[in-house]
């Protein structure tokens, strides 16, 4: 019985249909689909074996190099923008200057029906943030982070009494700090025209708000069974480090990289020595650059440094008077020697 069953399983009728050229009778057949004519042709002799071939490929041609107007005929649409609200999948009626009156009326009616004040506010804020970052030569990742911070504030709706320019200035200031490229209140004021006192006030309020938002996200994550910090974990920042300012100011003053490193190390040591305790990071960075530039034989005047640091030359001189008596502790002997720095080049006042 088992032998008969196995024999029956070995023989099966082949119901597969194979197209084969009746002239060449090659197996496997050499068939070519000609989509231009919709025919199935034998690749060996050219005999047409079938017609009405359905083309399953896309019905458009894509030329990425000479695509006019960046027109992408993709049927799936663009990805949703996380910085905007809504599904963003609504249909848009196109309109051009040469269109007829009917299409112009349809375009106007469609804009009125889909008008979203919230999205319009966000787009205006993002445009202003992008322009500010471009004017300050800030990278796009910092600009995107500032936009993300602004969206959190906008969605929460807790600062309705504050002007949009003030909130934008605060978000930009915090984004620079969070991404490790801090800017001073004076630099933000120069591009936003929001007063330094107002920037300082909104900064404290926003940092408290973002810290609270971070705690709430962490609590929701733990309640859902997750562990670890949230993806967009917000970290409270300390005051601006003078070492980061030294690097940027030296680059603007066209000082050598070695002078920049020495100025940063002097700024780090002043914190331990305590000679400039209570001084602003701007004054500390300016005084350290003033000392390092004279030490290494590429002196910069207080007026030159004040132009990039944003502090008066008198403030730089007063800060330098406090670090000059500690020069033996601040200057590493490895910086001195042939072809290097010289203590005799340091100004006495």
C-alpha atoms as a PDB file:
ATOM      1  CA  UNK A   1       0.000   0.000   0.000  1.00  0.00           C
ATOM      2  CA  UNK A   2       2.833   2.337   0.913  1.00  0.00           C
ATOM      3  CA  UNK A   3       4.632   1.417  -2.349  1.00  0.00           C
ATOM      4  CA  UNK A   4       1.577   2.315  -4.434  1.00  0.00           C
ATOM      5  CA  UNK A   5       1.169   5.604  -2.602  1.00  0.00           C
ATOM      6  CA  UNK A   6       4.816   6.563  -3.171  1.00  0.00           C
ATOM      7  CA  UNK A   7       4.575   5.666  -6.851  1.00  0.00           C
ATOM      8  CA  UNK A   8       1.468   7.776  -7.200  1.00  0.00           C
ATOM      9  CA  UNK A   9       3.267  10.710  -5.562  1.00  0.00           C
ATOM     10  CA  UNK A  10       6.248  10.336  -7.898  1.00  0.00           C
ATOM     11  CA  UNK A  11       4.099  10.848 -11.009  1.00  0.00           C
ATOM     12  CA  UNK A  12       2.243  14.143 -11.221  1.00  0.00           C
ATOM     13  CA  UNK A  13       0.807  15.842 -14.228  1.00  0.00           C
ATOM     14  CA  UNK A  14       2.737  19.022 -15.073  1.00  0.00           C
ATOM     15  CA  UNK A  15       0.136  21.744 -15.375  1.00  0.00           C
ATOM     16  CA  UNK A  16       2.638  24.592 -15.793  1.00  0.00           C
ATOM     17  CA  UNK A  17       2.368  26.460 -19.062  1.00  0.00           C
ATOM     18  CA  UNK A  18       5.649  27.305 -20.803  1.00  0.00           C
ATOM     19  CA  UNK A  19       5.833  29.609 -23.788  1.00  0.00           C
ATOM     20  CA  UNK A  20       8.266  28.243 -26.352  1.00  0.00           C
ATOM     21  CA  UNK A  21       9.282  29.386 -29.811  1.00  0.00           C
ATOM     22  CA  UNK A  22       7.776  26.966 -32.350  1.00  0.00           C
ATOM     23  CA  UNK A  23      10.650  27.652 -34.744  1.00  0.00           C
ATOM     24  CA  UNK A  24      13.664  27.368 -32.444  1.00  0.00           C
ATOM     25  CA  UNK A  25      12.103  25.072 -29.812  1.00  0.00           C
ATOM     26  CA  UNK A  26      14.757  26.080 -27.297  1.00  0.00           C
ATOM     27  CA  UNK A  27      14.389  25.155 -23.657  1.00  0.00           C
ATOM     28  CA  UNK A  28      14.651  27.185 -21.578  1.00  0.00           C
ATOM     29  CA  UNK A  29      13.242  29.619 -24.114  1.00  0.00           C
ATOM     30  CA  UNK A  30      15.054  32.853 -24.973  1.00  0.00           C
ATOM     31  CA  UNK A  31      12.176  35.330 -24.708  1.00  0.00           C
ATOM     32  CA  UNK A  32      12.357  39.127 -24.758  1.00  0.00           C
ATOM     33  CA  UNK A  33       9.591  41.523 -23.699  1.00  0.00           C
ATOM     34  CA  UNK A  34       9.368  44.570 -25.936  1.00  0.00           C
ATOM     35  CA  UNK A  35       7.413  47.030 -23.825  1.00  0.00           C
ATOM     36  CA  UNK A  36       7.418  49.705 -26.521  1.00  0.00           C
ATOM     37  CA  UNK A  37       5.273  47.536 -28.810  1.00  0.00           C
ATOM     38  CA  UNK A  38       3.761  45.286 -26.140  1.00  0.00           C
ATOM     39  CA  UNK A  39       4.989  42.066 -27.778  1.00  0.00           C
ATOM     40  CA  UNK A  40       6.739  38.935 -26.554  1.00  0.00           C
ATOM     41  CA  UNK A  41       9.528  38.115 -29.058  1.00  0.00           C
ATOM     42  CA  UNK A  42      11.925  35.219 -29.368  1.00  0.00           C
ATOM     43  CA  UNK A  43      15.405  36.507 -28.773  1.00  0.00           C
ATOM     44  CA  UNK A  44      16.987  33.958 -31.146  1.00  0.00           C
ATOM     45  CA  UNK A  45      14.909  34.229 -34.317  1.00  0.00           C
ATOM     46  CA  UNK A  46      12.746  37.318 -33.694  1.00  0.00           C
ATOM     47  CA  UNK A  47       9.408  35.518 -34.037  1.00  0.00           C
ATOM     48  CA  UNK A  48       6.538  37.334 -32.294  1.00  0.00           C
ATOM     49  CA  UNK A  49       5.006  34.846 -29.856  1.00  0.00           C
ATOM     50  CA  UNK A  50       2.436  37.033 -28.122  1.00  0.00           C
ATOM     51  CA  UNK A  51       1.041  40.526 -27.918  1.00  0.00           C
ATOM     52  CA  UNK A  52      -0.814  42.678 -25.421  1.00  0.00           C
ATOM     53  CA  UNK A  53       1.892  42.356 -22.776  1.00  0.00           C
ATOM     54  CA  UNK A  54       0.969  44.332 -19.642  1.00  0.00           C
ATOM     55  CA  UNK A  55       3.785  46.658 -18.571  1.00  0.00           C
ATOM     56  CA  UNK A  56       3.941  46.635 -14.743  1.00  0.00           C
ATOM     57  CA  UNK A  57       6.647  49.289 -14.514  1.00  0.00           C
ATOM     58  CA  UNK A  58       6.049  52.943 -13.622  1.00  0.00           C
ATOM     59  CA  UNK A  59       4.342  55.014 -16.304  1.00  0.00           C
ATOM     60  CA  UNK A  60       6.837  57.873 -16.068  1.00  0.00           C
ATOM     61  CA  UNK A  61      10.512  58.314 -16.741  1.00  0.00           C
ATOM     62  CA  UNK A  62      12.773  59.859 -14.115  1.00  0.00           C
ATOM     63  CA  UNK A  63      15.722  62.019 -15.110  1.00  0.00           C
ATOM     64  CA  UNK A  64      17.166  63.337 -11.855  1.00  0.00           C
ATOM     65  CA  UNK A  65      19.778  65.500 -13.574  1.00  0.00           C
ATOM     66  CA  UNK A  66      17.478  67.529 -15.817  1.00  0.00           C
ATOM     67  CA  UNK A  67      14.253  67.292 -13.828  1.00  0.00           C
ATOM     68  CA  UNK A  68      12.469  70.592 -14.388  1.00  0.00           C
ATOM     69  CA  UNK A  69      11.257  72.367 -11.294  1.00  0.00           C
ATOM     70  CA  UNK A  70      12.226  69.408  -9.060  1.00  0.00           C
ATOM     71  CA  UNK A  71       9.005  67.692 -10.156  1.00  0.00           C
ATOM     72  CA  UNK A  72       8.835  64.209  -8.672  1.00  0.00           C
ATOM     73  CA  UNK A  73       5.970  62.108 -10.108  1.00  0.00           C
ATOM     74  CA  UNK A  74       6.049  59.780  -7.104  1.00  0.00           C
ATOM     75  CA  UNK A  75       2.546  58.669  -6.135  1.00  0.00           C
ATOM     76  CA  UNK A  76       3.265  58.381  -2.396  1.00  0.00           C
ATOM     77  CA  UNK A  77       3.969  62.085  -1.755  1.00  0.00           C
ATOM     78  CA  UNK A  78       6.497  63.668   0.558  1.00  0.00           C
ATOM     79  CA  UNK A  79       7.191  62.498   4.056  1.00  0.00           C
ATOM     80  CA  UNK A  80       5.375  64.233   6.875  1.00  0.00           C
ATOM     81  CA  UNK A  81       7.232  67.163   8.422  1.00  0.00           C
ATOM     82  CA  UNK A  82       7.566  66.533  12.199  1.00  0.00           C
ATOM     83  CA  UNK A  83       7.807  70.283  12.792  1.00  0.00           C
ATOM     84  CA  UNK A  84       4.253  70.879  11.538  1.00  0.00           C
ATOM     85  CA  UNK A  85       0.890  69.763  12.890  1.00  0.00           C
ATOM     86  CA  UNK A  86      -1.816  67.811  11.087  1.00  0.00           C
ATOM     87  CA  UNK A  87      -1.733  64.913   8.650  1.00  0.00           C
ATOM     88  CA  UNK A  88      -0.267  67.070   5.830  1.00  0.00           C
ATOM     89  CA  UNK A  89      -1.921  64.798   3.233  1.00  0.00           C
ATOM     90  CA  UNK A  90      -4.517  67.210   1.888  1.00  0.00           C
ATOM     91  CA  UNK A  91      -4.818  67.804  -1.858  1.00  0.00           C
ATOM     92  CA  UNK A  92      -3.490  71.096  -3.181  1.00  0.00           C
ATOM     93  CA  UNK A  93      -4.952  72.766  -6.281  1.00  0.00           C
ATOM     94  CA  UNK A  94      -2.152  74.121  -8.453  1.00  0.00           C
ATOM     95  CA  UNK A  95      -2.262  77.629  -9.828  1.00  0.00           C
ATOM     96  CA  UNK A  96       0.020  79.576 -12.158  1.00  0.00           C
ATOM     97  CA  UNK A  97       0.009  83.041 -13.662  1.00  0.00           C
ATOM     98  CA  UNK A  98      -1.142  81.753 -17.034  1.00  0.00           C
ATOM     99  CA  UNK A  99      -4.059  79.723 -15.660  1.00  0.00           C
ATOM    100  CA  UNK A 100      -7.657  80.587 -16.397  1.00  0.00           C
ATOM    101  CA  UNK A 101     -10.068  82.295 -14.019  1.00  0.00           C
ATOM    102  CA  UNK A 102     -11.738  79.021 -12.985  1.00  0.00           C
ATOM    103  CA  UNK A 103      -8.506  77.484 -11.672  1.00  0.00           C
ATOM    104  CA  UNK A 104      -7.643  80.743  -9.900  1.00  0.00           C
ATOM    105  CA  UNK A 105     -11.018  80.729  -8.125  1.00  0.00           C
ATOM    106  CA  UNK A 106     -10.607  77.075  -7.160  1.00  0.00           C
ATOM    107  CA  UNK A 107      -7.138  77.790  -5.785  1.00  0.00           C
ATOM    108  CA  UNK A 108      -8.438  80.714  -3.694  1.00  0.00           C
ATOM    109  CA  UNK A 109     -11.386  78.698  -2.362  1.00  0.00           C
ATOM    110  CA  UNK A 110      -9.151  75.769  -1.471  1.00  0.00           C
ATOM    111  CA  UNK A 111      -6.772  78.032   0.459  1.00  0.00           C
ATOM    112  CA  UNK A 112      -9.660  79.487   2.465  1.00  0.00           C
ATOM    113  CA  UNK A 113     -11.068  76.062   3.343  1.00  0.00           C
ATOM    114  CA  UNK A 114      -7.714  74.603   4.443  1.00  0.00           C
ATOM    115  CA  UNK A 115      -6.383  77.713   6.171  1.00  0.00           C
ATOM    116  CA  UNK A 116      -4.634  76.728   9.417  1.00  0.00           C
ATOM    117  CA  UNK A 117      -3.553  79.628  11.606  1.00  0.00           C
ATOM    118  CA  UNK A 118      -1.369  77.390  13.782  1.00  0.00           C
ATOM    119  CA  UNK A 119       0.601  76.051  10.819  1.00  0.00           C
ATOM    120  CA  UNK A 120       0.961  79.550   9.403  1.00  0.00           C
ATOM    121  CA  UNK A 121       2.433  80.760  12.718  1.00  0.00           C
ATOM    122  CA  UNK A 122       4.886  77.869  12.833  1.00  0.00           C
ATOM    123  CA  UNK A 123       6.021  78.437   9.250  1.00  0.00           C
ATOM    124  CA  UNK A 124       6.610  82.137   9.904  1.00  0.00           C
ATOM    125  CA  UNK A 125       8.640  81.329  13.030  1.00  0.00           C
ATOM    126  CA  UNK A 126      10.697  78.676  11.215  1.00  0.00           C
ATOM    127  CA  UNK A 127      11.434  81.110   8.408  1.00  0.00           C
ATOM    128  CA  UNK A 128      12.662  83.719  10.882  1.00  0.00           C
ATOM    129  CA  UNK A 129      14.763  81.154  12.772  1.00  0.00           C
ATOM    130  CA  UNK A 130      16.368  79.995   9.533  1.00  0.00           C
ATOM    131  CA  UNK A 131      17.210  83.577   8.545  1.00  0.00           C
ATOM    132  CA  UNK A 132      18.752  84.271  11.971  1.00  0.00           C
ATOM    133  CA  UNK A 133      20.878  81.108  11.848  1.00  0.00           C
ATOM    134  CA  UNK A 134      22.083  81.974   8.356  1.00  0.00           C
ATOM    135  CA  UNK A 135      23.072  85.473   9.445  1.00  0.00           C
ATOM    136  CA  UNK A 136      25.029  84.039  12.399  1.00  0.00           C
ATOM    137  CA  UNK A 137      26.595  81.260  10.266  1.00  0.00           C
ATOM    138  CA  UNK A 138      25.026  78.574  12.458  1.00  0.00           C
ATOM    139  CA  UNK A 139      24.772  75.001  11.171  1.00  0.00           C
ATOM    140  CA  UNK A 140      21.472  73.503  10.053  1.00  0.00           C
ATOM    141  CA  UNK A 141      21.310  70.954  12.894  1.00  0.00           C
ATOM    142  CA  UNK A 142      21.243  73.793  15.430  1.00  0.00           C
ATOM    143  CA  UNK A 143      18.548  75.555  13.410  1.00  0.00           C
ATOM    144  CA  UNK A 144      16.420  72.393  13.350  1.00  0.00           C
ATOM    145  CA  UNK A 145      16.846  71.933  17.101  1.00  0.00           C
ATOM    146  CA  UNK A 146      15.771  75.537  17.718  1.00  0.00           C
ATOM    147  CA  UNK A 147      12.678  74.919  15.581  1.00  0.00           C
ATOM    148  CA  UNK A 148      11.905  71.798  17.596  1.00  0.00           C
ATOM    149  CA  UNK A 149      12.145  73.789  20.835  1.00  0.00           C
ATOM    150  CA  UNK A 150       9.864  76.495  19.451  1.00  0.00           C
ATOM    151  CA  UNK A 151       7.271  73.886  18.437  1.00  0.00           C
ATOM    152  CA  UNK A 152       7.229  72.486  21.979  1.00  0.00           C
ATOM    153  CA  UNK A 153       6.562  75.968  23.358  1.00  0.00           C
ATOM    154  CA  UNK A 154       3.920  76.673  20.708  1.00  0.00           C
ATOM    155  CA  UNK A 155       2.054  73.389  21.254  1.00  0.00           C
ATOM    156  CA  UNK A 156       2.060  73.835  25.028  1.00  0.00           C
ATOM    157  CA  UNK A 157       0.619  77.354  24.744  1.00  0.00           C
ATOM    158  CA  UNK A 158       2.031  78.489  28.091  1.00  0.00           C
ATOM    159  CA  UNK A 159       3.722  81.689  26.874  1.00  0.00           C
ATOM    160  CA  UNK A 160       0.852  83.409  25.123  1.00  0.00           C
ATOM    161  CA  UNK A 161       1.718  86.767  26.692  1.00  0.00           C
ATOM    162  CA  UNK A 162       5.260  86.755  25.307  1.00  0.00           C
ATOM    163  CA  UNK A 163       6.059  88.089  21.857  1.00  0.00           C
ATOM    164  CA  UNK A 164       7.105  85.620  19.214  1.00  0.00           C
ATOM    165  CA  UNK A 165      10.435  87.418  18.660  1.00  0.00           C
ATOM    166  CA  UNK A 166      11.338  86.982  22.334  1.00  0.00           C
ATOM    167  CA  UNK A 167      10.546  83.258  22.314  1.00  0.00           C
ATOM    168  CA  UNK A 168      12.519  82.788  19.083  1.00  0.00           C
ATOM    169  CA  UNK A 169      15.533  84.539  20.633  1.00  0.00           C
ATOM    170  CA  UNK A 170      15.312  82.340  23.732  1.00  0.00           C
ATOM    171  CA  UNK A 171      14.980  79.109  21.727  1.00  0.00           C
ATOM    172  CA  UNK A 172      17.947  80.070  19.549  1.00  0.00           C
ATOM    173  CA  UNK A 173      20.080  80.860  22.610  1.00  0.00           C
ATOM    174  CA  UNK A 174      19.197  77.527  24.272  1.00  0.00           C
ATOM    175  CA  UNK A 175      19.731  75.530  21.058  1.00  0.00           C
ATOM    176  CA  UNK A 176      23.244  76.937  20.688  1.00  0.00           C
ATOM    177  CA  UNK A 177      24.056  75.954  24.271  1.00  0.00           C
ATOM    178  CA  UNK A 178      22.575  72.483  23.950  1.00  0.00           C
ATOM    179  CA  UNK A 179      24.561  71.770  20.764  1.00  0.00           C
ATOM    180  CA  UNK A 180      27.872  72.900  22.276  1.00  0.00           C
ATOM    181  CA  UNK A 181      28.296  76.160  20.333  1.00  0.00           C
ATOM    182  CA  UNK A 182      27.067  78.769  22.828  1.00  0.00           C
ATOM    183  CA  UNK A 183      26.360  82.358  21.843  1.00  0.00           C
ATOM    184  CA  UNK A 184      26.250  85.290  24.231  1.00  0.00           C
ATOM    185  CA  UNK A 185      23.250  87.471  25.017  1.00  0.00           C
ATOM    186  CA  UNK A 186      24.976  90.281  23.155  1.00  0.00           C
ATOM    187  CA  UNK A 187      25.298  88.213  19.969  1.00  0.00           C
ATOM    188  CA  UNK A 188      21.649  87.148  20.071  1.00  0.00           C
ATOM    189  CA  UNK A 189      20.624  90.755  20.715  1.00  0.00           C
ATOM    190  CA  UNK A 190      22.627  91.940  17.689  1.00  0.00           C
ATOM    191  CA  UNK A 191      20.504  89.854  15.282  1.00  0.00           C
ATOM    192  CA  UNK A 192      17.107  89.712  17.015  1.00  0.00           C
ATOM    193  CA  UNK A 193      16.934  93.242  18.507  1.00  0.00           C
ATOM    194  CA  UNK A 194      15.501  91.692  21.691  1.00  0.00           C
ATOM    195  CA  UNK A 195      17.118  93.309  24.736  1.00  0.00           C
ATOM    196  CA  UNK A 196      19.716  91.362  26.694  1.00  0.00           C
ATOM    197  CA  UNK A 197      17.657  91.615  29.863  1.00  0.00           C
ATOM    198  CA  UNK A 198      14.609  90.171  28.098  1.00  0.00           C
ATOM    199  CA  UNK A 199      16.685  87.350  26.589  1.00  0.00           C
ATOM    200  CA  UNK A 200      18.009  86.509  30.050  1.00  0.00           C
ATOM    201  CA  UNK A 201      14.497  86.410  31.514  1.00  0.00           C
ATOM    202  CA  UNK A 202      13.008  84.263  28.739  1.00  0.00           C
ATOM    203  CA  UNK A 203      16.026  81.954  28.905  1.00  0.00           C
ATOM    204  CA  UNK A 204      15.410  81.158  32.576  1.00  0.00           C
ATOM    205  CA  UNK A 205      11.696  80.579  32.009  1.00  0.00           C
ATOM    206  CA  UNK A 206      12.215  78.422  28.918  1.00  0.00           C
ATOM    207  CA  UNK A 207      14.920  76.291  30.529  1.00  0.00           C
ATOM    208  CA  UNK A 208      12.596  75.574  33.453  1.00  0.00           C
ATOM    209  CA  UNK A 209       9.794  74.707  31.019  1.00  0.00           C
ATOM    210  CA  UNK A 210      11.942  72.333  28.931  1.00  0.00           C
ATOM    211  CA  UNK A 211      13.263  70.629  32.063  1.00  0.00           C
ATOM    212  CA  UNK A 212       9.674  70.049  33.219  1.00  0.00           C
ATOM    213  CA  UNK A 213       8.748  68.687  29.797  1.00  0.00           C
ATOM    214  CA  UNK A 214      11.683  66.307  29.999  1.00  0.00           C
ATOM    215  CA  UNK A 215      10.529  65.027  33.418  1.00  0.00           C
ATOM    216  CA  UNK A 216       7.012  64.440  32.077  1.00  0.00           C
ATOM    217  CA  UNK A 217       8.315  62.504  29.063  1.00  0.00           C
ATOM    218  CA  UNK A 218      10.528  60.412  31.318  1.00  0.00           C
ATOM    219  CA  UNK A 219       7.567  59.629  33.592  1.00  0.00           C
ATOM    220  CA  UNK A 220       5.400  58.564  30.636  1.00  0.00           C
ATOM    221  CA  UNK A 221       8.217  56.359  29.356  1.00  0.00           C
ATOM    222  CA  UNK A 222       8.586  54.631  32.705  1.00  0.00           C
ATOM    223  CA  UNK A 223       4.827  54.157  33.070  1.00  0.00           C
ATOM    224  CA  UNK A 224       4.738  52.535  29.635  1.00  0.00           C
ATOM    225  CA  UNK A 225       7.335  49.997  30.759  1.00  0.00           C
ATOM    226  CA  UNK A 226      10.349  51.607  29.116  1.00  0.00           C
ATOM    227  CA  UNK A 227      13.669  52.433  30.690  1.00  0.00           C
ATOM    228  CA  UNK A 228      16.510  54.847  30.107  1.00  0.00           C
ATOM    229  CA  UNK A 229      16.434  58.491  29.025  1.00  0.00           C
ATOM    230  CA  UNK A 230      14.076  59.793  26.388  1.00  0.00           C
ATOM    231  CA  UNK A 231      15.386  60.315  22.849  1.00  0.00           C
ATOM    232  CA  UNK A 232      15.109  64.085  23.077  1.00  0.00           C
ATOM    233  CA  UNK A 233      16.527  64.283  26.600  1.00  0.00           C
ATOM    234  CA  UNK A 234      17.015  67.928  27.614  1.00  0.00           C
ATOM    235  CA  UNK A 235      20.020  68.751  29.758  1.00  0.00           C
ATOM    236  CA  UNK A 236      20.212  71.827  31.948  1.00  0.00           C
ATOM    237  CA  UNK A 237      23.198  73.932  30.939  1.00  0.00           C
ATOM    238  CA  UNK A 238      25.613  75.909  33.029  1.00  0.00           C
ATOM    239  CA  UNK A 239      26.974  79.355  32.248  1.00  0.00           C
ATOM    240  CA  UNK A 240      28.993  79.783  29.065  1.00  0.00           C
ATOM    241  CA  UNK A 241      32.457  78.263  29.280  1.00  0.00           C
ATOM    242  CA  UNK A 242      35.216  80.812  28.455  1.00  0.00           C
ATOM    243  CA  UNK A 243      37.232  78.095  26.672  1.00  0.00           C
ATOM    244  CA  UNK A 244      34.584  77.757  23.940  1.00  0.00           C
ATOM    245  CA  UNK A 245      34.593  81.523  23.480  1.00  0.00           C
ATOM    246  CA  UNK A 246      38.403  81.586  23.196  1.00  0.00           C
ATOM    247  CA  UNK A 247      38.328  79.172  20.285  1.00  0.00           C
ATOM    248  CA  UNK A 248      35.772  81.209  18.336  1.00  0.00           C
ATOM    249  CA  UNK A 249      37.276  84.612  19.110  1.00  0.00           C
ATOM    250  CA  UNK A 250      40.783  83.479  18.129  1.00  0.00           C
ATOM    251  CA  UNK A 251      39.436  82.269  14.800  1.00  0.00           C
ATOM    252  CA  UNK A 252      37.847  85.676  14.190  1.00  0.00           C
ATOM    253  CA  UNK A 253      41.119  87.398  15.100  1.00  0.00           C
ATOM    254  CA  UNK A 254      43.117  85.192  12.670  1.00  0.00           C
ATOM    255  CA  UNK A 255      45.321  83.879  15.468  1.00  0.00           C
ATOM    256  CA  UNK A 256      47.246  80.655  15.168  1.00  0.00           C
ATOM    257  CA  UNK A 257      45.795  77.404  16.442  1.00  0.00           C
ATOM    258  CA  UNK A 258      48.576  77.137  19.038  1.00  0.00           C
ATOM    259  CA  UNK A 259      47.594  80.521  20.491  1.00  0.00           C
ATOM    260  CA  UNK A 260      43.980  79.414  20.650  1.00  0.00           C
ATOM    261  CA  UNK A 261      44.919  76.268  22.591  1.00  0.00           C
ATOM    262  CA  UNK A 262      47.100  78.276  25.002  1.00  0.00           C
ATOM    263  CA  UNK A 263      44.305  80.811  25.583  1.00  0.00           C
ATOM    264  CA  UNK A 264      41.892  77.965  26.362  1.00  0.00           C
ATOM    265  CA  UNK A 265      44.307  76.405  28.863  1.00  0.00           C
ATOM    266  CA  UNK A 266      44.883  79.770  30.540  1.00  0.00           C
ATOM    267  CA  UNK A 267      41.103  80.215  30.811  1.00  0.00           C
ATOM    268  CA  UNK A 268      40.821  76.786  32.424  1.00  0.00           C
ATOM    269  CA  UNK A 269      43.564  77.590  34.932  1.00  0.00           C
ATOM    270  CA  UNK A 270      42.037  80.944  35.898  1.00  0.00           C
ATOM    271  CA  UNK A 271      39.068  79.049  37.258  1.00  0.00           C
ATOM    272  CA  UNK A 272      41.358  77.051  39.537  1.00  0.00           C
ATOM    273  CA  UNK A 273      43.497  80.018  40.549  1.00  0.00           C
ATOM    274  CA  UNK A 274      40.440  82.202  41.142  1.00  0.00           C
ATOM    275  CA  UNK A 275      42.034  85.416  39.927  1.00  0.00           C
ATOM    276  CA  UNK A 276      38.997  86.264  37.757  1.00  0.00           C
ATOM    277  CA  UNK A 277      36.274  84.972  40.060  1.00  0.00           C
ATOM    278  CA  UNK A 278      33.008  86.786  39.477  1.00  0.00           C
ATOM    279  CA  UNK A 279      33.991  88.071  36.035  1.00  0.00           C
ATOM    280  CA  UNK A 280      31.829  87.347  33.000  1.00  0.00           C
ATOM    281  CA  UNK A 281      32.966  84.626  30.550  1.00  0.00           C
ATOM    282  CA  UNK A 282      33.446  87.337  27.913  1.00  0.00           C
ATOM    283  CA  UNK A 283      35.938  89.249  30.071  1.00  0.00           C
ATOM    284  CA  UNK A 284      37.801  86.055  31.020  1.00  0.00           C
ATOM    285  CA  UNK A 285      38.097  84.903  27.411  1.00  0.00           C
ATOM    286  CA  UNK A 286      39.222  88.362  26.222  1.00  0.00           C
ATOM    287  CA  UNK A 287      41.893  88.675  28.945  1.00  0.00           C
ATOM    288  CA  UNK A 288      43.230  85.170  28.233  1.00  0.00           C
ATOM    289  CA  UNK A 289      43.457  85.894  24.493  1.00  0.00           C
ATOM    290  CA  UNK A 290      45.225  89.173  25.253  1.00  0.00           C
ATOM    291  CA  UNK A 291      47.824  87.343  27.377  1.00  0.00           C
ATOM    292  CA  UNK A 292      48.289  84.404  24.975  1.00  0.00           C
ATOM    293  CA  UNK A 293      48.687  86.597  21.893  1.00  0.00           C
ATOM    294  CA  UNK A 294      51.436  88.696  23.517  1.00  0.00           C
ATOM    295  CA  UNK A 295      53.122  85.624  24.983  1.00  0.00           C
ATOM    296  CA  UNK A 296      53.402  83.918  21.580  1.00  0.00           C
ATOM    297  CA  UNK A 297      54.586  87.002  19.670  1.00  0.00           C
ATOM    298  CA  UNK A 298      51.393  87.767  17.777  1.00  0.00           C
ATOM    299  CA  UNK A 299      49.999  90.580  19.961  1.00  0.00           C
ATOM    300  CA  UNK A 300      46.470  91.872  19.668  1.00  0.00           C
ATOM    301  CA  UNK A 301      45.418  95.167  21.198  1.00  0.00           C
ATOM    302  CA  UNK A 302      42.470  95.380  23.610  1.00  0.00           C
ATOM    303  CA  UNK A 303      40.617  97.348  20.956  1.00  0.00           C
ATOM    304  CA  UNK A 304      41.014  94.507  18.435  1.00  0.00           C
ATOM    305  CA  UNK A 305      39.797  91.930  20.932  1.00  0.00           C
ATOM    306  CA  UNK A 306      36.882  94.096  22.092  1.00  0.00           C
ATOM    307  CA  UNK A 307      35.604  94.273  18.511  1.00  0.00           C
ATOM    308  CA  UNK A 308      34.962  90.501  18.468  1.00  0.00           C
ATOM    309  CA  UNK A 309      34.338  89.836  22.173  1.00  0.00           C
ATOM    310  CA  UNK A 310      31.813  92.607  22.656  1.00  0.00           C
ATOM    311  CA  UNK A 311      33.414  94.034  25.820  1.00  0.00           C
ATOM    312  CA  UNK A 312      35.179  97.371  26.215  1.00  0.00           C
ATOM    313  CA  UNK A 313      38.951  97.595  26.003  1.00  0.00           C
ATOM    314  CA  UNK A 314      39.004  99.037  29.539  1.00  0.00           C
ATOM    315  CA  UNK A 315      37.311  95.870  30.842  1.00  0.00           C
ATOM    316  CA  UNK A 316      39.949  93.756  29.102  1.00  0.00           C
ATOM    317  CA  UNK A 317      42.774  95.766  30.673  1.00  0.00           C
ATOM    318  CA  UNK A 318      41.244  95.509  34.141  1.00  0.00           C
ATOM    319  CA  UNK A 319      40.814  91.743  33.798  1.00  0.00           C
ATOM    320  CA  UNK A 320      44.388  91.393  32.537  1.00  0.00           C
ATOM    321  CA  UNK A 321      45.700  93.302  35.585  1.00  0.00           C
ATOM    322  CA  UNK A 322      44.186  90.592  37.762  1.00  0.00           C
ATOM    323  CA  UNK A 323      45.783  87.669  35.867  1.00  0.00           C
ATOM    324  CA  UNK A 324      49.211  89.250  35.313  1.00  0.00           C
ATOM    325  CA  UNK A 325      50.410  88.694  38.931  1.00  0.00           C
ATOM    326  CA  UNK A 326      49.460  84.989  38.538  1.00  0.00           C
ATOM    327  CA  UNK A 327      51.377  84.581  35.287  1.00  0.00           C
ATOM    328  CA  UNK A 328      53.833  82.068  36.793  1.00  0.00           C
ATOM    329  CA  UNK A 329      50.963  79.764  37.732  1.00  0.00           C
ATOM    330  CA  UNK A 330      48.982  80.249  34.539  1.00  0.00           C
ATOM    331  CA  UNK A 331      51.775  79.835  31.971  1.00  0.00           C
ATOM    332  CA  UNK A 332      53.147  76.345  31.386  1.00  0.00           C
ATOM    333  CA  UNK A 333      56.979  76.212  31.014  1.00  0.00           C
ATOM    334  CA  UNK A 334      56.496  73.996  27.965  1.00  0.00           C
ATOM    335  CA  UNK A 335      55.103  77.010  26.115  1.00  0.00           C
ATOM    336  CA  UNK A 336      58.407  78.870  26.557  1.00  0.00           C
ATOM    337  CA  UNK A 337      61.717  78.293  24.818  1.00  0.00           C
ATOM    338  CA  UNK A 338      63.340  78.725  21.449  1.00  0.00           C
ATOM    339  CA  UNK A 339      60.812  79.608  18.793  1.00  0.00           C
ATOM    340  CA  UNK A 340      58.007  79.601  21.349  1.00  0.00           C
ATOM    341  CA  UNK A 341      56.643  82.101  23.856  1.00  0.00           C
ATOM    342  CA  UNK A 342      58.525  84.619  25.960  1.00  0.00           C
ATOM    343  CA  UNK A 343      57.407  86.041  29.302  1.00  0.00           C
ATOM    344  CA  UNK A 344      59.249  89.269  28.552  1.00  0.00           C
ATOM    345  CA  UNK A 345      56.709  90.004  25.799  1.00  0.00           C
ATOM    346  CA  UNK A 346      53.837  90.267  28.252  1.00  0.00           C
ATOM    347  CA  UNK A 347      52.710  93.855  28.912  1.00  0.00           C
ATOM    348  CA  UNK A 348      52.930  94.934  32.536  1.00  0.00           C
ATOM    349  CA  UNK A 349      49.524  96.644  32.528  1.00  0.00           C
END
